[in-house]
Amino acid sequence: MKIGFAITSSFCTLDKVLKEVASLKTLGYDIYPIVSENIVKYDTRFGKSKDFIDKLEKICEHNVASNIVEAETFGPKNKMDVMVVMPATGDFLGKMANGITDNPVNLAVKATMRNNKPIVIAVSTNDGLGLSGENIMKLYNNKNVYFVPFGQDNYKDKPNSLIAHYDMLLPTIEHALNNSQIQPVIKEYKKIK
């Protein structure tokens, strides 16, 4: 199975994302990485961009698509069985919910949607119970859009923050391929180790 794996710039989750990509690869999935332009542009306190890209390409055994020209091929030429967006930031959610495809991740997702293939979204946003909440609900009600179960990760210090249960990625993909949303979508959150 071919999985498009789109990564947005929730920099604090990138190490966890690499673990999930490696886990899927170990299970034999063919993974095609797509990253937002910010992943390519910025070194952060969580790591250097080049190091992350190198690790991702080594795991996936495919070059990273990191611009709109490369991402456009995911519709007509490079058809995926499923597209995962992990982490899905508030920026991604807002643009996707409103049909804006001005970056590689959103364009790859739209191209996959055009082929009526499932989109699996793993939320990671500090305003999921704030401004991004409306966009989550808009996307939740779209055909072929499925959410990895999520919950509040730090309700005391970040009361609007939501993050997906990354350990639920594979079962969510399996459900999405059968046109069903895994339940419950909103789960008690326990820290990801």
N, C-alpha and C. Protein backbone atom coordinates (compact mmCIF):
# COMPACT_ATOMS: atom_id res chain seq x y z
N MET A 1 0.84 -1.18 0.00
CA MET A 1 0.00 0.00 0.00
C MET A 1 0.89 1.24 0.00
N LYS A 2 0.49 2.23 -0.77
CA LYS A 2 1.21 3.49 -0.87
C LYS A 2 0.57 4.52 0.06
N ILE A 3 1.36 5.04 0.98
CA ILE A 3 0.89 6.06 1.93
C ILE A 3 1.64 7.35 1.67
N GLY A 4 0.89 8.41 1.39
CA GLY A 4 1.47 9.75 1.39
C GLY A 4 1.52 10.19 2.84
N PHE A 5 2.64 10.69 3.29
CA PHE A 5 2.78 11.10 4.69
C PHE A 5 3.18 12.57 4.70
N ALA A 6 2.21 13.43 4.98
CA ALA A 6 2.41 14.88 4.93
C ALA A 6 2.68 15.41 6.34
N ILE A 7 3.71 16.22 6.47
CA ILE A 7 4.18 16.69 7.77
C ILE A 7 4.18 18.21 7.79
N THR A 8 3.45 18.77 8.76
CA THR A 8 3.42 20.22 8.92
C THR A 8 4.32 20.61 10.10
N SER A 9 4.39 21.90 10.37
CA SER A 9 5.44 22.41 11.26
C SER A 9 5.05 22.53 12.73
N SER A 10 4.54 21.46 13.30
CA SER A 10 4.43 21.36 14.75
C SER A 10 5.76 20.74 15.20
N PHE A 11 6.78 21.59 15.30
CA PHE A 11 8.16 21.13 15.45
C PHE A 11 8.37 20.25 16.68
N CYS A 12 7.61 20.50 17.74
CA CYS A 12 7.82 19.74 18.98
C CYS A 12 7.38 18.28 18.85
N THR A 13 6.67 17.93 17.79
CA THR A 13 6.20 16.55 17.63
C THR A 13 6.99 15.75 16.59
N LEU A 14 7.97 16.36 15.96
CA LEU A 14 8.63 15.72 14.82
C LEU A 14 9.35 14.42 15.17
N ASP A 15 9.95 14.33 16.35
CA ASP A 15 10.59 13.06 16.73
C ASP A 15 9.55 11.94 16.84
N LYS A 16 8.39 12.25 17.39
CA LYS A 16 7.31 11.26 17.51
C LYS A 16 6.79 10.87 16.13
N VAL A 17 6.74 11.83 15.23
CA VAL A 17 6.30 11.56 13.87
C VAL A 17 7.25 10.58 13.19
N LEU A 18 8.55 10.80 13.35
CA LEU A 18 9.54 9.88 12.75
C LEU A 18 9.34 8.46 13.26
N LYS A 19 9.03 8.30 14.52
CA LYS A 19 8.79 6.96 15.08
C LYS A 19 7.59 6.31 14.41
N GLU A 20 6.53 7.07 14.15
CA GLU A 20 5.34 6.52 13.50
C GLU A 20 5.63 6.15 12.05
N VAL A 21 6.39 6.99 11.36
CA VAL A 21 6.77 6.69 9.98
C VAL A 21 7.59 5.40 9.95
N ALA A 22 8.56 5.28 10.86
CA ALA A 22 9.41 4.08 10.91
C ALA A 22 8.58 2.84 11.23
N SER A 23 7.60 2.98 12.09
CA SER A 23 6.74 1.86 12.44
C SER A 23 5.95 1.38 11.22
N LEU A 24 5.39 2.31 10.46
CA LEU A 24 4.64 1.95 9.25
C LEU A 24 5.56 1.29 8.22
N LYS A 25 6.76 1.83 8.09
CA LYS A 25 7.72 1.28 7.13
C LYS A 25 8.10 -0.16 7.51
N THR A 26 8.28 -0.40 8.81
CA THR A 26 8.60 -1.74 9.30
C THR A 26 7.51 -2.74 8.95
N LEU A 27 6.27 -2.26 8.90
CA LEU A 27 5.14 -3.12 8.56
C LEU A 27 5.02 -3.35 7.05
N GLY A 28 5.90 -2.71 6.27
CA GLY A 28 5.94 -2.97 4.84
C GLY A 28 5.23 -1.95 3.96
N TYR A 29 4.77 -0.84 4.54
CA TYR A 29 4.11 0.18 3.73
C TYR A 29 5.11 1.00 2.94
N ASP A 30 4.73 1.40 1.74
CA ASP A 30 5.54 2.25 0.88
C ASP A 30 5.14 3.69 1.18
N ILE A 31 6.05 4.45 1.79
CA ILE A 31 5.71 5.77 2.31
C ILE A 31 6.39 6.87 1.51
N TYR A 32 5.57 7.83 1.07
CA TYR A 32 6.03 8.96 0.29
C TYR A 32 5.90 10.23 1.14
N PRO A 33 7.04 10.83 1.55
CA PRO A 33 6.98 11.98 2.45
C PRO A 33 6.76 13.31 1.72
N ILE A 34 5.92 14.14 2.35
CA ILE A 34 5.66 15.50 1.90
C ILE A 34 5.83 16.39 3.12
N VAL A 35 6.52 17.50 2.99
CA VAL A 35 6.70 18.38 4.14
C VAL A 35 6.31 19.81 3.77
N SER A 36 5.88 20.55 4.79
CA SER A 36 5.59 21.97 4.58
C SER A 36 6.90 22.71 4.33
N GLU A 37 6.79 23.85 3.70
CA GLU A 37 7.98 24.64 3.40
C GLU A 37 8.69 25.07 4.68
N ASN A 38 7.95 25.26 5.78
CA ASN A 38 8.58 25.65 7.04
C ASN A 38 9.47 24.56 7.60
N ILE A 39 9.13 23.30 7.37
CA ILE A 39 9.97 22.20 7.82
C ILE A 39 11.34 22.28 7.14
N VAL A 40 11.35 22.67 5.88
CA VAL A 40 12.59 22.77 5.13
C VAL A 40 13.38 24.02 5.51
N LYS A 41 12.67 25.11 5.81
CA LYS A 41 13.33 26.40 6.02
C LYS A 41 13.94 26.61 7.40
N TYR A 42 13.34 26.02 8.44
CA TYR A 42 13.70 26.44 9.79
C TYR A 42 14.37 25.36 10.63
N ASP A 43 15.49 25.76 11.24
CA ASP A 43 16.08 25.01 12.33
C ASP A 43 15.43 25.56 13.60
N THR A 44 15.09 24.68 14.54
CA THR A 44 14.44 25.13 15.77
C THR A 44 15.16 24.52 16.97
N ARG A 45 14.66 24.83 18.15
CA ARG A 45 15.24 24.24 19.36
C ARG A 45 15.00 22.74 19.42
N PHE A 46 14.11 22.24 18.55
CA PHE A 46 13.82 20.81 18.51
C PHE A 46 14.70 20.05 17.52
N GLY A 47 15.49 20.78 16.74
CA GLY A 47 16.39 20.12 15.81
C GLY A 47 16.61 20.90 14.52
N LYS A 48 17.56 20.42 13.75
CA LYS A 48 17.91 21.05 12.47
C LYS A 48 17.07 20.45 11.35
N SER A 49 16.66 21.30 10.45
CA SER A 49 15.83 20.91 9.32
C SER A 49 16.49 19.80 8.50
N LYS A 50 17.74 20.00 8.15
CA LYS A 50 18.43 19.02 7.30
C LYS A 50 18.50 17.66 7.97
N ASP A 51 18.74 17.63 9.27
CA ASP A 51 18.80 16.35 9.99
C ASP A 51 17.46 15.63 9.92
N PHE A 52 16.38 16.38 10.11
CA PHE A 52 15.05 15.77 10.07
C PHE A 52 14.75 15.22 8.67
N ILE A 53 15.02 16.03 7.64
CA ILE A 53 14.77 15.61 6.25
C ILE A 53 15.60 14.37 5.91
N ASP A 54 16.87 14.37 6.31
CA ASP A 54 17.73 13.21 6.04
C ASP A 54 17.18 11.94 6.69
N LYS A 55 16.77 12.03 7.95
CA LYS A 55 16.20 10.86 8.65
C LYS A 55 14.92 10.39 7.97
N LEU A 56 14.07 11.33 7.59
CA LEU A 56 12.80 11.00 6.95
C LEU A 56 13.02 10.29 5.62
N GLU A 57 13.92 10.82 4.80
CA GLU A 57 14.20 10.20 3.51
C GLU A 57 14.84 8.82 3.66
N LYS A 58 15.69 8.67 4.67
CA LYS A 58 16.32 7.37 4.90
C LYS A 58 15.27 6.33 5.29
N ILE A 59 14.34 6.70 6.17
CA ILE A 59 13.29 5.78 6.59
C ILE A 59 12.39 5.42 5.40
N CYS A 60 11.93 6.43 4.68
CA CYS A 60 10.94 6.24 3.61
C CYS A 60 11.54 5.65 2.33
N GLU A 61 12.82 5.89 2.11
CA GLU A 61 13.49 5.48 0.88
C GLU A 61 12.89 6.19 -0.35
N HIS A 62 12.39 7.39 -0.12
CA HIS A 62 11.90 8.29 -1.17
C HIS A 62 12.34 9.70 -0.83
N ASN A 63 12.54 10.51 -1.85
CA ASN A 63 12.85 11.91 -1.62
C ASN A 63 11.61 12.64 -1.08
N VAL A 64 11.87 13.63 -0.26
CA VAL A 64 10.80 14.45 0.30
C VAL A 64 10.27 15.40 -0.77
N ALA A 65 8.95 15.48 -0.87
CA ALA A 65 8.32 16.52 -1.69
C ALA A 65 8.17 17.75 -0.80
N SER A 66 8.76 18.85 -1.22
CA SER A 66 8.78 20.02 -0.34
C SER A 66 8.37 21.32 -1.03
N ASN A 67 7.82 21.20 -2.23
CA ASN A 67 7.31 22.40 -2.89
C ASN A 67 6.05 22.03 -3.68
N ILE A 68 5.37 23.03 -4.17
CA ILE A 68 4.08 22.82 -4.83
C ILE A 68 4.22 21.98 -6.10
N VAL A 69 5.28 22.18 -6.85
CA VAL A 69 5.48 21.43 -8.09
C VAL A 69 5.61 19.93 -7.78
N GLU A 70 6.39 19.59 -6.78
CA GLU A 70 6.55 18.19 -6.40
C GLU A 70 5.27 17.61 -5.81
N ALA A 71 4.55 18.39 -5.03
CA ALA A 71 3.32 17.92 -4.38
C ALA A 71 2.19 17.69 -5.37
N GLU A 72 2.16 18.44 -6.44
CA GLU A 72 1.07 18.32 -7.42
C GLU A 72 1.00 16.94 -8.04
N THR A 73 2.13 16.25 -8.09
CA THR A 73 2.16 14.92 -8.72
C THR A 73 1.36 13.87 -7.94
N PHE A 74 0.99 14.17 -6.69
CA PHE A 74 0.28 13.18 -5.89
C PHE A 74 -1.15 12.95 -6.37
N GLY A 75 -1.64 13.73 -7.26
CA GLY A 75 -2.97 13.49 -7.82
C GLY A 75 -2.90 12.66 -9.09
N PRO A 76 -2.43 13.25 -10.18
CA PRO A 76 -2.51 12.56 -11.46
C PRO A 76 -1.46 11.48 -11.68
N LYS A 77 -0.24 11.67 -11.19
CA LYS A 77 0.84 10.76 -11.53
C LYS A 77 1.19 9.77 -10.42
N ASN A 78 1.14 10.22 -9.21
CA ASN A 78 1.64 9.43 -8.08
C ASN A 78 0.48 9.20 -7.12
N LYS A 79 -0.38 8.26 -7.45
CA LYS A 79 -1.61 8.05 -6.69
C LYS A 79 -1.34 7.25 -5.42
N MET A 80 -1.82 7.79 -4.32
CA MET A 80 -1.67 7.16 -3.02
C MET A 80 -2.94 6.37 -2.69
N ASP A 81 -2.80 5.36 -1.84
CA ASP A 81 -3.96 4.65 -1.31
C ASP A 81 -4.59 5.43 -0.17
N VAL A 82 -3.76 6.17 0.56
CA VAL A 82 -4.22 7.00 1.68
C VAL A 82 -3.19 8.11 1.88
N MET A 83 -3.66 9.26 2.35
CA MET A 83 -2.77 10.38 2.68
C MET A 83 -2.93 10.66 4.17
N VAL A 84 -1.81 10.65 4.89
CA VAL A 84 -1.78 10.97 6.32
C VAL A 84 -1.22 12.37 6.47
N VAL A 85 -1.83 13.17 7.34
CA VAL A 85 -1.28 14.47 7.71
C VAL A 85 -0.99 14.39 9.21
N MET A 86 0.30 14.33 9.54
CA MET A 86 0.73 14.20 10.93
C MET A 86 2.04 14.91 11.11
N PRO A 87 2.10 15.93 11.90
CA PRO A 87 1.04 16.58 12.65
C PRO A 87 0.25 17.53 11.76
N ALA A 88 -1.01 17.72 12.10
CA ALA A 88 -1.87 18.66 11.37
C ALA A 88 -2.06 19.90 12.24
N THR A 89 -1.38 20.96 11.87
CA THR A 89 -1.43 22.21 12.64
C THR A 89 -2.71 22.98 12.38
N GLY A 90 -2.95 23.99 13.20
CA GLY A 90 -4.09 24.87 12.99
C GLY A 90 -4.05 25.55 11.63
N ASP A 91 -2.87 25.90 11.17
CA ASP A 91 -2.71 26.52 9.85
C ASP A 91 -3.20 25.57 8.76
N PHE A 92 -2.74 24.31 8.82
CA PHE A 92 -3.20 23.32 7.84
C PHE A 92 -4.72 23.17 7.90
N LEU A 93 -5.27 23.01 9.11
CA LEU A 93 -6.71 22.80 9.27
C LEU A 93 -7.52 23.96 8.68
N GLY A 94 -7.08 25.19 8.97
CA GLY A 94 -7.79 26.36 8.46
C GLY A 94 -7.76 26.44 6.95
N LYS A 95 -6.60 26.21 6.38
CA LYS A 95 -6.48 26.28 4.92
C LYS A 95 -7.26 25.16 4.25
N MET A 96 -7.16 23.94 4.78
CA MET A 96 -7.85 22.81 4.17
C MET A 96 -9.36 22.99 4.26
N ALA A 97 -9.84 23.44 5.42
CA ALA A 97 -11.28 23.62 5.62
C ALA A 97 -11.86 24.68 4.69
N ASN A 98 -10.99 25.57 4.21
CA ASN A 98 -11.45 26.66 3.35
C ASN A 98 -10.93 26.57 1.92
N GLY A 99 -10.42 25.40 1.57
CA GLY A 99 -10.02 25.15 0.18
C GLY A 99 -8.77 25.86 -0.28
N ILE A 100 -7.90 26.23 0.63
CA ILE A 100 -6.67 26.93 0.26
C ILE A 100 -5.54 25.92 0.12
N THR A 101 -4.93 25.91 -1.06
CA THR A 101 -3.87 24.93 -1.34
C THR A 101 -2.61 25.64 -1.82
N ASP A 102 -2.07 26.51 -0.97
CA ASP A 102 -0.92 27.32 -1.36
C ASP A 102 0.40 26.78 -0.84
N ASN A 103 0.43 25.51 -0.46
CA ASN A 103 1.67 24.92 0.05
C ASN A 103 1.69 23.43 -0.31
N PRO A 104 2.84 22.77 -0.17
CA PRO A 104 2.95 21.38 -0.61
C PRO A 104 2.02 20.41 0.11
N VAL A 105 1.85 20.57 1.42
CA VAL A 105 1.01 19.63 2.17
C VAL A 105 -0.45 19.75 1.73
N ASN A 106 -0.97 20.95 1.70
CA ASN A 106 -2.37 21.13 1.32
C ASN A 106 -2.62 20.70 -0.12
N LEU A 107 -1.66 20.97 -1.01
CA LEU A 107 -1.84 20.57 -2.40
C LEU A 107 -1.80 19.05 -2.55
N ALA A 108 -0.91 18.37 -1.84
CA ALA A 108 -0.85 16.90 -1.91
C ALA A 108 -2.14 16.29 -1.36
N VAL A 109 -2.68 16.89 -0.30
CA VAL A 109 -3.95 16.40 0.26
C VAL A 109 -5.08 16.60 -0.74
N LYS A 110 -5.16 17.79 -1.33
CA LYS A 110 -6.22 18.06 -2.31
C LYS A 110 -6.10 17.13 -3.51
N ALA A 111 -4.88 16.89 -3.96
CA ALA A 111 -4.66 16.00 -5.10
C ALA A 111 -5.13 14.58 -4.78
N THR A 112 -4.91 14.14 -3.54
CA THR A 112 -5.35 12.81 -3.12
C THR A 112 -6.87 12.76 -2.99
N MET A 113 -7.45 13.82 -2.48
CA MET A 113 -8.91 13.89 -2.37
C MET A 113 -9.57 13.81 -3.74
N ARG A 114 -8.93 14.40 -4.72
CA ARG A 114 -9.46 14.37 -6.09
C ARG A 114 -9.59 12.94 -6.60
N ASN A 115 -8.76 12.04 -6.07
CA ASN A 115 -8.82 10.63 -6.46
C ASN A 115 -9.73 9.82 -5.55
N ASN A 116 -10.51 10.50 -4.70
CA ASN A 116 -11.45 9.84 -3.77
C ASN A 116 -10.76 8.84 -2.85
N LYS A 117 -9.58 9.19 -2.40
CA LYS A 117 -8.84 8.36 -1.46
C LYS A 117 -8.93 8.99 -0.07
N PRO A 118 -8.80 8.18 0.99
CA PRO A 118 -8.94 8.71 2.34
C PRO A 118 -7.79 9.62 2.77
N ILE A 119 -8.17 10.62 3.55
CA ILE A 119 -7.23 11.54 4.18
C ILE A 119 -7.33 11.29 5.68
N VAL A 120 -6.22 10.97 6.31
CA VAL A 120 -6.18 10.72 7.76
C VAL A 120 -5.45 11.88 8.42
N ILE A 121 -6.12 12.56 9.34
CA ILE A 121 -5.59 13.76 9.96
C ILE A 121 -5.29 13.50 11.44
N ALA A 122 -4.04 13.80 11.83
CA ALA A 122 -3.61 13.69 13.22
C ALA A 122 -3.34 15.10 13.74
N VAL A 123 -4.31 15.63 14.46
CA VAL A 123 -4.30 17.02 14.92
C VAL A 123 -3.15 17.27 15.90
N SER A 124 -2.54 18.44 15.78
CA SER A 124 -1.58 18.94 16.76
C SER A 124 -1.64 20.47 16.70
N THR A 125 -2.51 21.04 17.56
CA THR A 125 -2.71 22.48 17.51
C THR A 125 -2.99 23.03 18.89
N ASN A 126 -2.43 24.19 19.15
CA ASN A 126 -2.65 24.85 20.44
C ASN A 126 -4.02 25.53 20.53
N ASP A 127 -4.76 25.58 19.42
CA ASP A 127 -6.07 26.23 19.48
C ASP A 127 -7.20 25.36 18.94
N GLY A 128 -7.09 24.05 19.15
CA GLY A 128 -8.12 23.11 18.70
C GLY A 128 -9.47 23.34 19.34
N LEU A 129 -9.48 23.83 20.57
CA LEU A 129 -10.74 24.16 21.24
C LEU A 129 -11.01 25.66 21.16
N GLY A 130 -10.28 26.33 20.30
CA GLY A 130 -10.45 27.75 20.05
C GLY A 130 -10.76 27.96 18.58
N LEU A 131 -9.96 28.77 17.93
CA LEU A 131 -10.21 29.13 16.53
C LEU A 131 -10.19 27.94 15.59
N SER A 132 -9.36 26.95 15.85
CA SER A 132 -9.28 25.79 14.94
C SER A 132 -10.43 24.81 15.12
N GLY A 133 -11.18 24.95 16.18
CA GLY A 133 -12.29 24.02 16.43
C GLY A 133 -13.30 23.98 15.30
N GLU A 134 -13.65 25.15 14.78
CA GLU A 134 -14.60 25.22 13.68
C GLU A 134 -14.07 24.51 12.44
N ASN A 135 -12.77 24.66 12.19
CA ASN A 135 -12.16 24.01 11.02
C ASN A 135 -12.11 22.50 11.19
N ILE A 136 -11.85 22.03 12.39
CA ILE A 136 -11.88 20.58 12.64
C ILE A 136 -13.26 20.03 12.32
N MET A 137 -14.30 20.72 12.77
CA MET A 137 -15.67 20.25 12.52
C MET A 137 -16.03 20.30 11.04
N LYS A 138 -15.57 21.34 10.33
CA LYS A 138 -15.80 21.40 8.88
C LYS A 138 -15.18 20.20 8.18
N LEU A 139 -13.93 19.91 8.54
CA LEU A 139 -13.23 18.79 7.90
C LEU A 139 -13.83 17.45 8.30
N TYR A 140 -14.24 17.35 9.55
CA TYR A 140 -14.82 16.10 10.06
C TYR A 140 -16.05 15.70 9.24
N ASN A 141 -16.76 16.65 8.72
CA ASN A 141 -17.98 16.38 7.97
C ASN A 141 -17.76 16.25 6.47
N ASN A 142 -16.52 16.12 6.04
CA ASN A 142 -16.21 15.93 4.62
C ASN A 142 -16.02 14.46 4.29
N LYS A 143 -16.45 14.11 3.10
CA LYS A 143 -16.25 12.75 2.60
C LYS A 143 -14.75 12.44 2.54
N ASN A 144 -14.40 11.24 2.94
CA ASN A 144 -13.04 10.72 2.86
C ASN A 144 -12.04 11.39 3.80
N VAL A 145 -12.52 12.13 4.81
CA VAL A 145 -11.63 12.73 5.81
C VAL A 145 -11.86 12.03 7.14
N TYR A 146 -10.78 11.53 7.74
CA TYR A 146 -10.85 10.75 8.97
C TYR A 146 -9.83 11.29 9.97
N PHE A 147 -10.21 11.32 11.23
CA PHE A 147 -9.33 11.85 12.27
C PHE A 147 -8.77 10.75 13.16
N VAL A 148 -7.47 10.83 13.42
CA VAL A 148 -6.87 10.01 14.47
C VAL A 148 -7.45 10.53 15.78
N PRO A 149 -7.90 9.65 16.68
CA PRO A 149 -8.46 10.12 17.95
C PRO A 149 -7.52 11.11 18.64
N PHE A 150 -8.11 12.12 19.26
CA PHE A 150 -7.31 13.18 19.88
C PHE A 150 -7.90 13.57 21.23
N GLY A 151 -7.11 14.32 21.98
CA GLY A 151 -7.55 14.83 23.28
C GLY A 151 -6.70 16.02 23.69
N GLN A 152 -7.02 16.58 24.86
CA GLN A 152 -6.25 17.69 25.39
C GLN A 152 -4.94 17.15 25.96
N ASP A 153 -3.85 17.81 25.62
CA ASP A 153 -2.55 17.32 26.09
C ASP A 153 -2.06 18.04 27.34
N ASN A 154 -2.52 19.24 27.59
CA ASN A 154 -2.07 20.00 28.76
C ASN A 154 -3.14 21.03 29.12
N TYR A 155 -4.25 20.56 29.65
CA TYR A 155 -5.40 21.44 29.86
C TYR A 155 -5.13 22.54 30.88
N LYS A 156 -4.18 22.37 31.77
CA LYS A 156 -3.88 23.41 32.76
C LYS A 156 -3.15 24.59 32.14
N ASP A 157 -2.09 24.30 31.39
CA ASP A 157 -1.27 25.37 30.82
C ASP A 157 -1.70 25.78 29.42
N LYS A 158 -2.34 24.86 28.67
CA LYS A 158 -2.79 25.15 27.31
C LYS A 158 -4.21 24.61 27.14
N PRO A 159 -5.19 25.31 27.70
CA PRO A 159 -6.55 24.75 27.75
C PRO A 159 -7.22 24.54 26.40
N ASN A 160 -6.74 25.14 25.33
CA ASN A 160 -7.34 24.95 24.01
C ASN A 160 -6.56 23.97 23.14
N SER A 161 -5.47 23.43 23.66
CA SER A 161 -4.58 22.59 22.88
C SER A 161 -5.13 21.17 22.70
N LEU A 162 -4.99 20.65 21.48
CA LEU A 162 -5.37 19.27 21.16
C LEU A 162 -4.22 18.58 20.46
N ILE A 163 -4.07 17.28 20.74
CA ILE A 163 -3.08 16.48 20.04
C ILE A 163 -3.64 15.08 19.82
N ALA A 164 -3.31 14.52 18.67
CA ALA A 164 -3.75 13.18 18.32
C ALA A 164 -3.01 12.13 19.15
N HIS A 165 -3.67 11.00 19.33
CA HIS A 165 -3.04 9.83 19.93
C HIS A 165 -2.28 9.13 18.80
N TYR A 166 -1.00 9.41 18.69
CA TYR A 166 -0.22 8.90 17.57
C TYR A 166 -0.24 7.38 17.51
N ASP A 167 -0.37 6.73 18.67
CA ASP A 167 -0.40 5.28 18.69
C ASP A 167 -1.66 4.71 18.04
N MET A 168 -2.62 5.57 17.71
CA MET A 168 -3.86 5.15 17.05
C MET A 168 -3.82 5.36 15.54
N LEU A 169 -2.65 5.73 15.01
CA LEU A 169 -2.55 6.00 13.57
C LEU A 169 -2.91 4.79 12.72
N LEU A 170 -2.27 3.65 12.95
CA LEU A 170 -2.51 2.49 12.10
C LEU A 170 -3.98 2.04 12.14
N PRO A 171 -4.61 1.90 13.32
CA PRO A 171 -6.03 1.51 13.30
C PRO A 171 -6.92 2.55 12.61
N THR A 172 -6.54 3.83 12.70
CA THR A 172 -7.32 4.87 12.01
C THR A 172 -7.20 4.70 10.50
N ILE A 173 -5.98 4.42 10.02
CA ILE A 173 -5.77 4.18 8.59
C ILE A 173 -6.61 2.98 8.14
N GLU A 174 -6.57 1.91 8.91
CA GLU A 174 -7.33 0.70 8.55
C GLU A 174 -8.82 0.99 8.47
N HIS A 175 -9.35 1.74 9.42
CA HIS A 175 -10.76 2.12 9.38
C HIS A 175 -11.05 3.02 8.17
N ALA A 176 -10.17 3.99 7.92
CA ALA A 176 -10.38 4.91 6.80
C ALA A 176 -10.42 4.17 5.47
N LEU A 177 -9.58 3.17 5.33
CA LEU A 177 -9.59 2.39 4.08
C LEU A 177 -10.90 1.62 3.91
N ASN A 178 -11.62 1.43 5.01
CA ASN A 178 -12.95 0.80 4.97
C ASN A 178 -14.07 1.83 5.09
N ASN A 179 -13.73 3.09 4.83
CA ASN A 179 -14.70 4.20 4.84
C ASN A 179 -15.42 4.37 6.18
N SER A 180 -14.68 4.20 7.28
CA SER A 180 -15.30 4.45 8.58
C SER A 180 -14.35 5.21 9.48
N GLN A 181 -14.92 6.06 10.31
CA GLN A 181 -14.17 6.83 11.30
C GLN A 181 -14.00 5.98 12.55
N ILE A 182 -12.77 5.77 12.99
CA ILE A 182 -12.54 5.03 14.22
C ILE A 182 -13.17 5.80 15.38
N GLN A 183 -13.71 5.09 16.35
CA GLN A 183 -14.38 5.72 17.48
C GLN A 183 -13.75 5.25 18.79
N PRO A 184 -13.84 6.01 19.84
CA PRO A 184 -14.27 7.39 19.86
C PRO A 184 -13.19 8.31 19.29
N VAL A 185 -13.62 9.41 18.71
CA VAL A 185 -12.67 10.37 18.13
C VAL A 185 -12.00 11.17 19.24
N ILE A 186 -12.77 11.58 20.23
CA ILE A 186 -12.22 12.36 21.34
C ILE A 186 -12.01 11.40 22.50
N LYS A 187 -10.75 11.25 22.90
CA LYS A 187 -10.38 10.30 23.96
C LYS A 187 -9.62 11.03 25.05
N GLU A 188 -9.66 10.45 26.23
CA GLU A 188 -8.82 10.98 27.31
C GLU A 188 -7.38 10.92 26.83
N TYR A 189 -6.64 11.97 27.05
CA TYR A 189 -5.27 12.03 26.58
C TYR A 189 -4.31 11.62 27.68
N LYS A 190 -3.45 10.69 27.33
CA LYS A 190 -2.34 10.32 28.22
C LYS A 190 -1.07 10.65 27.48
N LYS A 191 -0.13 11.23 28.17
CA LYS A 191 1.10 11.68 27.54
C LYS A 191 1.71 10.61 26.66
N ILE A 192 2.14 11.02 25.45
CA ILE A 192 2.86 10.14 24.55
C ILE A 192 4.26 9.96 25.09
N LYS A 193 4.70 8.75 25.17
CA LYS A 193 6.04 8.50 25.73
C LYS A 193 7.09 8.53 24.66
